[in-house]
C-alpha atoms as a PDB file:
ATOM      1  CA  MET A   1     -44.878  -1.885  61.359  1.00  0.00           C
ATOM      2  CA  ASN A   2     -47.226  -4.857  60.870  1.00  0.00           C
ATOM      3  CA  ASP A   3     -47.732  -7.069  58.329  1.00  0.00           C
ATOM      4  CA  LEU A   4     -51.513  -6.829  57.767  1.00  0.00           C
ATOM      5  CA  LEU A   5     -52.980  -4.274  55.824  1.00  0.00           C
ATOM      6  CA  THR A   6     -56.581  -2.961  55.783  1.00  0.00           C
ATOM      7  CA  LEU A   7     -58.354  -0.882  53.290  1.00  0.00           C
ATOM      8  CA  HIS A   8     -60.642   1.950  54.921  1.00  0.00           C
ATOM      9  CA  PHE A   9     -63.319   4.085  53.591  1.00  0.00           C
ATOM     10  CA  ASN A  10     -64.520   7.533  55.012  1.00  0.00           C
ATOM     11  CA  VAL A  11     -62.139   6.718  57.742  1.00  0.00           C
ATOM     12  CA  HIS A  12     -62.777   9.041  60.946  1.00  0.00           C
ATOM     13  CA  GLY A  13     -60.999   9.722  64.212  1.00  0.00           C
ATOM     14  CA  ALA A  14     -57.235   8.575  64.723  1.00  0.00           C
ATOM     15  CA  LEU A  15     -57.298   6.900  61.054  1.00  0.00           C
ATOM     16  CA  ARG A  16     -58.491  10.212  59.663  1.00  0.00           C
ATOM     17  CA  GLU A  17     -54.963  11.899  61.577  1.00  0.00           C
ATOM     18  CA  ALA A  18     -52.921   9.395  60.249  1.00  0.00           C
ATOM     19  CA  ALA A  19     -54.560   9.426  57.093  1.00  0.00           C
ATOM     20  CA  LEU A  20     -53.595  13.035  56.976  1.00  0.00           C
ATOM     21  CA  ASP A  21     -49.858  12.368  58.200  1.00  0.00           C
ATOM     22  CA  CYS A  22     -49.443  10.322  55.507  1.00  0.00           C
ATOM     23  CA  GLU A  23     -50.884  12.704  52.824  1.00  0.00           C
ATOM     24  CA  GLU A  24     -48.588  15.293  54.164  1.00  0.00           C
ATOM     25  CA  ALA A  25     -45.093  13.171  53.909  1.00  0.00           C
ATOM     26  CA  VAL A  26     -45.964  12.037  50.458  1.00  0.00           C
ATOM     27  CA  PHE A  27     -46.787  15.476  49.027  1.00  0.00           C
ATOM     28  CA  LEU A  28     -44.299  17.051  50.579  1.00  0.00           C
ATOM     29  CA  GLU A  29     -41.322  14.724  49.444  1.00  0.00           C
ATOM     30  CA  ALA A  30     -43.398  15.103  46.028  1.00  0.00           C
ATOM     31  CA  PHE A  31     -43.807  18.882  45.578  1.00  0.00           C
ATOM     32  CA  GLY A  32     -42.525  20.625  48.522  1.00  0.00           C
ATOM     33  CA  ASN A  33     -45.919  21.995  49.452  1.00  0.00           C
ATOM     34  CA  THR A  34     -46.012  23.632  52.800  1.00  0.00           C
ATOM     35  CA  ARG A  35     -48.517  23.319  55.614  1.00  0.00           C
ATOM     36  CA  ASN A  36     -49.636  27.245  54.702  1.00  0.00           C
ATOM     37  CA  GLN A  37     -49.934  26.215  50.981  1.00  0.00           C
ATOM     38  CA  LEU A  38     -52.139  23.827  51.614  1.00  0.00           C
ATOM     39  CA  GLU A  39     -54.193  24.872  54.024  1.00  0.00           C
ATOM     40  CA  GLU A  40     -54.991  28.076  51.612  1.00  0.00           C
ATOM     41  CA  GLU A  41     -55.475  25.617  48.944  1.00  0.00           C
ATOM     42  CA  TYR A  42     -58.086  23.153  49.988  1.00  0.00           C
ATOM     43  CA  GLY A  43     -59.544  24.752  53.621  1.00  0.00           C
ATOM     44  CA  PRO A  44     -62.806  25.682  52.155  1.00  0.00           C
ATOM     45  CA  TYR A  45     -63.181  22.036  50.956  1.00  0.00           C
ATOM     46  CA  ASN A  46     -62.807  20.192  53.930  1.00  0.00           C
ATOM     47  CA  ASP A  47     -66.469  19.639  54.751  1.00  0.00           C
ATOM     48  CA  GLN A  48     -67.052  18.057  51.506  1.00  0.00           C
ATOM     49  CA  SER A  49     -63.669  15.644  52.105  1.00  0.00           C
ATOM     50  CA  LEU A  50     -63.873  11.755  52.672  1.00  0.00           C
ATOM     51  CA  PHE A  51     -60.373   9.409  52.808  1.00  0.00           C
ATOM     52  CA  VAL A  52     -59.686   6.230  51.524  1.00  0.00           C
ATOM     53  CA  ALA A  53     -56.328   4.821  53.857  1.00  0.00           C
ATOM     54  CA  VAL A  54     -54.347   1.694  53.611  1.00  0.00           C
ATOM     55  CA  ALA A  55     -53.325   1.330  57.193  1.00  0.00           C
ATOM     56  CA  ASP A  56     -51.835  -1.900  59.116  1.00  0.00           C
ATOM     57  CA  ASP A  57     -53.412  -3.267  62.358  1.00  0.00           C
ATOM     58  CA  SER A  58     -51.697  -0.422  64.526  1.00  0.00           C
ATOM     59  CA  GLY A  59     -53.481   2.184  62.208  1.00  0.00           C
ATOM     60  CA  HIS A  60     -50.325   3.242  60.361  1.00  0.00           C
ATOM     61  CA  VAL A  61     -51.540   4.779  57.249  1.00  0.00           C
ATOM     62  CA  VAL A  62     -49.292   3.598  54.391  1.00  0.00           C
ATOM     63  CA  GLY A  63     -51.447   4.850  51.609  1.00  0.00           C
ATOM     64  CA  ALA A  64     -54.048   7.647  51.098  1.00  0.00           C
ATOM     65  CA  ALA A  65     -56.743   9.233  48.875  1.00  0.00           C
ATOM     66  CA  ARG A  66     -58.756  12.246  49.539  1.00  0.00           C
ATOM     67  CA  LEU A  67     -61.787  13.062  47.455  1.00  0.00           C
ATOM     68  CA  ILE A  68     -63.991  16.234  47.351  1.00  0.00           C
ATOM     69  CA  THR A  69     -67.812  15.346  46.979  1.00  0.00           C
ATOM     70  CA  PRO A  70     -70.353  17.745  45.471  1.00  0.00           C
ATOM     71  CA  GLY A  71     -71.318  20.678  48.183  1.00  0.00           C
ATOM     72  CA  PRO A  72     -71.140  24.759  48.523  1.00  0.00           C
ATOM     73  CA  ALA A  73     -67.515  24.984  47.752  1.00  0.00           C
ATOM     74  CA  GLY A  74     -67.826  23.113  44.565  1.00  0.00           C
ATOM     75  CA  LEU A  75     -65.103  20.866  42.818  1.00  0.00           C
ATOM     76  CA  LYS A  76     -61.783  22.033  43.421  1.00  0.00           C
ATOM     77  CA  THR A  77     -60.552  21.188  39.791  1.00  0.00           C
ATOM     78  CA  LEU A  78     -63.322  22.823  37.837  1.00  0.00           C
ATOM     79  CA  ASN A  79     -62.831  25.697  40.120  1.00  0.00           C
ATOM     80  CA  ASP A  80     -58.817  25.702  39.968  1.00  0.00           C
ATOM     81  CA  VAL A  81     -58.983  25.569  36.267  1.00  0.00           C
ATOM     82  CA  ALA A  82     -60.585  29.283  35.996  1.00  0.00           C
ATOM     83  CA  ARG A  83     -57.184  30.528  37.437  1.00  0.00           C
ATOM     84  CA  GLU A  84     -53.563  30.798  35.678  1.00  0.00           C
ATOM     85  CA  PRO A  85     -52.234  28.617  33.923  1.00  0.00           C
ATOM     86  CA  TRP A  86     -55.412  27.890  32.336  1.00  0.00           C
ATOM     87  CA  GLY A  87     -57.780  30.660  33.004  1.00  0.00           C
ATOM     88  CA  ILE A  88     -61.257  29.118  31.573  1.00  0.00           C
ATOM     89  CA  ASP A  89     -64.914  28.441  32.496  1.00  0.00           C
ATOM     90  CA  GLY A  90     -64.794  25.320  34.625  1.00  0.00           C
ATOM     91  CA  LEU A  91     -68.829  24.796  34.373  1.00  0.00           C
ATOM     92  CA  ARG A  92     -68.900  25.138  30.690  1.00  0.00           C
ATOM     93  CA  ALA A  93     -65.902  22.915  30.270  1.00  0.00           C
ATOM     94  CA  ALA A  94     -67.640  20.672  32.237  1.00  0.00           C
ATOM     95  CA  ALA A  95     -70.959  20.970  30.505  1.00  0.00           C
ATOM     96  CA  ALA A  96     -68.921  20.413  27.118  1.00  0.00           C
ATOM     97  CA  ALA A  97     -67.217  16.858  28.615  1.00  0.00           C
ATOM     98  CA  ASP A  98     -70.592  16.105  29.460  1.00  0.00           C
ATOM     99  CA  ILE A  99     -70.382  16.171  33.316  1.00  0.00           C
ATOM    100  CA  ASP A 100     -72.958  16.420  35.780  1.00  0.00           C
ATOM    101  CA  VAL A 101     -71.657  18.120  38.804  1.00  0.00           C
ATOM    102  CA  ALA A 102     -74.020  16.553  41.230  1.00  0.00           C
ATOM    103  CA  ARG A 103     -72.887  13.363  40.325  1.00  0.00           C
ATOM    104  CA  THR A 104     -69.141  13.611  40.498  1.00  0.00           C
ATOM    105  CA  TRP A 105     -66.218  13.323  42.979  1.00  0.00           C
ATOM    106  CA  ASP A 106     -62.847  15.081  42.671  1.00  0.00           C
ATOM    107  CA  ILE A 107     -59.738  13.111  43.126  1.00  0.00           C
ATOM    108  CA  ALA A 108     -58.200  15.965  45.130  1.00  0.00           C
ATOM    109  CA  THR A 109     -54.703  13.571  46.723  1.00  0.00           C
ATOM    110  CA  LEU A 110     -53.495   9.778  45.965  1.00  0.00           C
ATOM    111  CA  GLY A 111     -50.552   9.135  47.582  1.00  0.00           C
ATOM    112  CA  VAL A 112     -48.140   5.893  48.692  1.00  0.00           C
ATOM    113  CA  ARG A 113     -45.269   5.803  51.258  1.00  0.00           C
ATOM    114  CA  ARG A 114     -42.323   5.405  49.461  1.00  0.00           C
ATOM    115  CA  ASP A 115     -41.789   1.833  50.997  1.00  0.00           C
ATOM    116  CA  PHE A 116     -44.929   0.878  49.858  1.00  0.00           C
ATOM    117  CA  ARG A 117     -44.659   1.961  45.998  1.00  0.00           C
ATOM    118  CA  GLY A 118     -43.938  -0.169  42.669  1.00  0.00           C
ATOM    119  CA  ALA A 119     -44.494  -3.990  43.101  1.00  0.00           C
ATOM    120  CA  LYS A 120     -43.854  -4.715  46.775  1.00  0.00           C
ATOM    121  CA  LEU A 121     -47.248  -4.349  47.822  1.00  0.00           C
ATOM    122  CA  MET A 122     -50.730  -3.444  46.222  1.00  0.00           C
ATOM    123  CA  VAL A 123     -51.617  -0.381  48.124  1.00  0.00           C
ATOM    124  CA  ALA A 124     -51.954   1.674  45.627  1.00  0.00           C
ATOM    125  CA  ILE A 125     -54.381  -0.464  43.155  1.00  0.00           C
ATOM    126  CA  ALA A 126     -56.207  -1.363  46.743  1.00  0.00           C
ATOM    127  CA  ILE A 127     -57.152   2.537  46.712  1.00  0.00           C
ATOM    128  CA  TYR A 128     -58.157   2.423  42.775  1.00  0.00           C
ATOM    129  CA  HIS A 129     -60.611  -0.435  44.107  1.00  0.00           C
ATOM    130  CA  ALA A 130     -61.995   1.350  46.640  1.00  0.00           C
ATOM    131  CA  ILE A 131     -62.289   4.569  44.642  1.00  0.00           C
ATOM    132  CA  MET A 132     -63.912   2.373  41.659  1.00  0.00           C
ATOM    133  CA  LYS A 133     -66.273   0.432  44.296  1.00  0.00           C
ATOM    134  CA  SER A 134     -67.603   3.648  46.342  1.00  0.00           C
ATOM    135  CA  THR A 135     -68.364   5.491  43.248  1.00  0.00           C
ATOM    136  CA  ARG A 136     -70.281   2.663  41.771  1.00  0.00           C
ATOM    137  CA  ILE A 137     -72.207   2.118  45.136  1.00  0.00           C
ATOM    138  CA  ASN A 138     -72.773   5.768  45.363  1.00  0.00           C
ATOM    139  CA  GLU A 139     -73.673   6.352  41.854  1.00  0.00           C
ATOM    140  CA  VAL A 140     -70.979   8.715  40.965  1.00  0.00           C
ATOM    141  CA  ARG A 141     -70.923   9.110  37.472  1.00  0.00           C
ATOM    142  CA  THR A 142     -67.789  11.115  37.036  1.00  0.00           C
ATOM    143  CA  ALA A 143     -64.880  11.711  38.417  1.00  0.00           C
ATOM    144  CA  THR A 144     -62.077  14.678  37.873  1.00  0.00           C
ATOM    145  CA  ALA A 145     -58.767  15.872  39.017  1.00  0.00           C
ATOM    146  CA  ILE A 146     -55.687  18.006  38.192  1.00  0.00           C
ATOM    147  CA  MET A 147     -53.029  14.640  37.880  1.00  0.00           C
ATOM    148  CA  ASP A 148     -48.924  15.217  38.063  1.00  0.00           C
ATOM    149  CA  THR A 149     -48.388  14.127  34.714  1.00  0.00           C
ATOM    150  CA  HIS A 150     -46.489  11.063  35.998  1.00  0.00           C
ATOM    151  CA  ALA A 151     -49.815  10.032  38.150  1.00  0.00           C
ATOM    152  CA  PHE A 152     -51.422  10.152  34.810  1.00  0.00           C
ATOM    153  CA  ARG A 153     -49.241   7.592  33.086  1.00  0.00           C
ATOM    154  CA  VAL A 154     -49.238   5.845  36.436  1.00  0.00           C
ATOM    155  CA  LEU A 155     -53.158   5.516  36.177  1.00  0.00           C
ATOM    156  CA  ALA A 156     -53.444   4.506  32.256  1.00  0.00           C
ATOM    157  CA  ASP A 157     -50.919   1.943  32.771  1.00  0.00           C
ATOM    158  CA  ALA A 158     -53.095   0.584  35.561  1.00  0.00           C
ATOM    159  CA  GLY A 159     -55.971   0.909  32.294  1.00  0.00           C
ATOM    160  CA  TYR A 160     -58.136   3.658  33.425  1.00  0.00           C
ATOM    161  CA  LEU A 161     -57.615   6.368  30.638  1.00  0.00           C
ATOM    162  CA  PHE A 162     -59.181   9.836  31.527  1.00  0.00           C
ATOM    163  CA  SER A 163     -59.211  12.492  28.947  1.00  0.00           C
ATOM    164  CA  SER A 164     -57.929  16.252  29.625  1.00  0.00           C
ATOM    165  CA  LEU A 165     -60.917  18.758  30.616  1.00  0.00           C
ATOM    166  CA  PRO A 166     -61.655  20.797  27.336  1.00  0.00           C
ATOM    167  CA  GLY A 167     -59.596  23.936  27.293  1.00  0.00           C
ATOM    168  CA  THR A 168     -56.902  22.332  28.756  1.00  0.00           C
ATOM    169  CA  ALA A 169     -53.016  21.193  28.774  1.00  0.00           C
ATOM    170  CA  ALA A 170     -50.447  20.068  31.336  1.00  0.00           C
ATOM    171  CA  ALA A 171     -48.742  23.089  32.966  1.00  0.00           C
ATOM    172  CA  PRO A 172     -47.377  23.854  36.209  1.00  0.00           C
ATOM    173  CA  TYR A 173     -49.204  23.370  39.354  1.00  0.00           C
ATOM    174  CA  LEU A 174     -49.201  23.614  43.031  1.00  0.00           C
ATOM    175  CA  GLY A 175     -45.453  22.350  43.183  1.00  0.00           C
ATOM    176  CA  SER A 176     -45.698  19.875  40.397  1.00  0.00           C
ATOM    177  CA  GLU A 177     -43.802  21.092  37.253  1.00  0.00           C
ATOM    178  CA  ALA A 178     -46.646  19.861  34.768  1.00  0.00           C
ATOM    179  CA  SER A 179     -49.914  18.833  36.023  1.00  0.00           C
ATOM    180  CA  VAL A 180     -53.335  18.455  33.668  1.00  0.00           C
ATOM    181  CA  PRO A 181     -56.853  18.711  34.586  1.00  0.00           C
ATOM    182  CA  VAL A 182     -58.296  15.432  33.649  1.00  0.00           C
ATOM    183  CA  TYR A 183     -62.120  14.037  33.952  1.00  0.00           C
ATOM    184  CA  GLY A 184     -63.405  10.150  33.286  1.00  0.00           C
ATOM    185  CA  HIS A 185     -66.678   8.902  33.259  1.00  0.00           C
ATOM    186  CA  TRP A 186     -66.576   5.794  35.491  1.00  0.00           C
ATOM    187  CA  SER A 187     -68.483   3.782  33.050  1.00  0.00           C
ATOM    188  CA  GLY A 188     -66.880   4.621  30.049  1.00  0.00           C
ATOM    189  CA  LEU A 189     -62.945   4.015  32.194  1.00  0.00           C
ATOM    190  CA  ALA A 190     -64.395   0.350  33.386  1.00  0.00           C
ATOM    191  CA  ASP A 191     -65.449  -0.648  29.793  1.00  0.00           C
ATOM    192  CA  ALA A 192     -62.341   0.649  28.270  1.00  0.00           C
ATOM    193  CA  GLN A 193     -60.069  -1.361  31.068  1.00  0.00           C
ATOM    194  CA  ARG A 194     -62.293  -4.419  30.891  1.00  0.00           C
ATOM    195  CA  ARG A 195     -61.804  -4.494  27.195  1.00  0.00           C
ATOM    196  CA  MET A 196     -58.298  -3.149  26.545  1.00  0.00           C
ATOM    197  CA  PHE A 197     -56.826  -4.408  30.001  1.00  0.00           C
ATOM    198  CA  PRO A 198     -58.729  -7.417  31.097  1.00  0.00           C
ATOM    199  CA  ASP A 199     -56.476  -8.482  33.995  1.00  0.00           C
ATOM    200  CA  LEU A 200     -55.981  -5.283  35.330  1.00  0.00           C
ATOM    201  CA  TYR A 201     -60.079  -5.035  35.081  1.00  0.00           C
ATOM    202  CA  ARG A 202     -60.350  -8.517  37.600  1.00  0.00           C
ATOM    203  CA  LEU A 203     -57.480  -6.986  39.498  1.00  0.00           C
ATOM    204  CA  ILE A 204     -58.454  -3.478  40.341  1.00  0.00           C
ATOM    205  CA  THR A 205     -61.701  -2.780  39.438  1.00  0.00           C
ATOM    206  CA  LEU A 206     -63.657  -5.869  40.732  1.00  0.00           C
ATOM    207  CA  GLY A 207     -60.590  -6.884  43.378  1.00  0.00           C
ATOM    208  CA  VAL A 208     -60.331 -10.732  42.184  1.00  0.00           C
ATOM    209  CA  GLY A 209     -56.715 -11.598  43.410  1.00  0.00           C
ATOM    210  CA  LEU A 210     -56.006  -8.444  45.472  1.00  0.00           C
ATOM    211  CA  ASP A 211     -53.780  -9.953  47.980  1.00  0.00           C
ATOM    212  CA  GLY A 212     -51.933  -8.645  50.979  1.00  0.00           C
ATOM    213  CA  ILE A 213     -54.650  -6.494  52.069  1.00  0.00           C
ATOM    214  CA  SER A 214     -58.242  -6.844  53.723  1.00  0.00           C
ATOM    215  CA  ILE A 215     -61.057  -5.299  51.866  1.00  0.00           C
ATOM    216  CA  PRO A 216     -64.517  -4.618  53.683  1.00  0.00           C
ATOM    217  CA  ASP A 217     -67.491  -5.695  52.301  1.00  0.00           C
ATOM    218  CA  ASP A 218     -69.801  -3.740  49.739  1.00  0.00           C
ATOM    219  CA  GLY A 219     -71.808  -1.878  52.636  1.00  0.00           C
ATOM    220  CA  ALA A 220     -68.595  -0.278  54.217  1.00  0.00           C
ATOM    221  CA  PHE A 221     -68.598   2.113  50.799  1.00  0.00           C
ATOM    222  CA  GLU A 222     -71.648   3.435  51.234  1.00  0.00           C
ATOM    223  CA  LEU A 223     -71.419   7.166  51.970  1.00  0.00           C
ATOM    224  CA  ARG A 224     -74.397   9.040  53.745  1.00  0.00           C
ATOM    225  CA  PRO A 225     -74.520  12.788  54.034  1.00  0.00           C
ATOM    226  CA  GLN A 226     -73.359  12.919  57.567  1.00  0.00           C
ATOM    227  CA  ASN A 227     -70.420  10.041  57.567  1.00  0.00           C
ATOM    228  CA  ILE A 228     -68.655  13.255  56.082  1.00  0.00           C
ATOM    229  CA  GLU A 229     -66.387  14.377  58.915  1.00  0.00           C
ATOM    230  CA  PRO A 230     -64.402  17.718  58.930  1.00  0.00           C
ATOM    231  CA  PRO A 231     -60.571  17.143  58.807  1.00  0.00           C
ATOM    232  CA  THR A 232     -59.319  18.668  62.028  1.00  0.00           C
ATOM    233  CA  ARG A 233     -56.209  19.833  59.594  1.00  0.00           C
ATOM    234  CA  LYS A 234     -55.919  20.818  56.404  1.00  0.00           C
ATOM    235  CA  THR A 235     -53.119  19.161  54.148  1.00  0.00           C
ATOM    236  CA  LEU A 236     -53.943  18.572  50.580  1.00  0.00           C
ATOM    237  CA  SER A 237     -51.951  18.794  47.487  1.00  0.00           C
ATOM    238  CA  PRO A 238     -52.480  17.811  43.503  1.00  0.00           C
ATOM    239  CA  VAL A 239     -52.735  14.069  42.849  1.00  0.00           C
ATOM    240  CA  ALA A 240     -49.263  12.317  42.973  1.00  0.00           C
ATOM    241  CA  ALA A 241     -48.212   8.931  41.844  1.00  0.00           C
ATOM    242  CA  ALA A 242     -48.578   6.084  43.970  1.00  0.00           C
END
């Protein structure tokens, strides 16, 4: 394992494979999700998915996130709340929360390998920064997710105060004992973080003081439709704690 780490947005090829390896390892450990279960759950969203990855200079990925962009399959969070245990109309809930689905990305997964969690390295913080920067650059208005409640608390501690989707509450979901469907309008999330957690705002949202991880320039975060590459494998699960 090499010490130099780099943040990558919308990875392709071998780096995408490595991101999938990381994701699979993290969510098998966290929730016991099997490959077959993950293929069944997330296969319909493959063509709309992109990955953020933090890797060393050998291409070993130590943290990754999968984002689902708008497309024919819709957004998984809004689709899944129609099923048990919630049983609500996702689009009606989105309208009640002032969510424009055409300008919304779903945070499908976010996980970091065990040895890179906590205070040892700022891998999770770098991934949060990439999500904030990429959504700003690509004019994404809102994020949705179904988060394990531990992950929800981790993000709240990082200054991101997501809200429960109207009509939902914490419930078992894909191996998680308690997950909650959430949403956040990025401008409001960033403004609240800036006012309530100014140091975290500078570190996570602005990337000031994000040491130990190389961050690309803004142009690397610009997404063009043709740059979304279908994954070669289907290995996804709920957002986990970083």
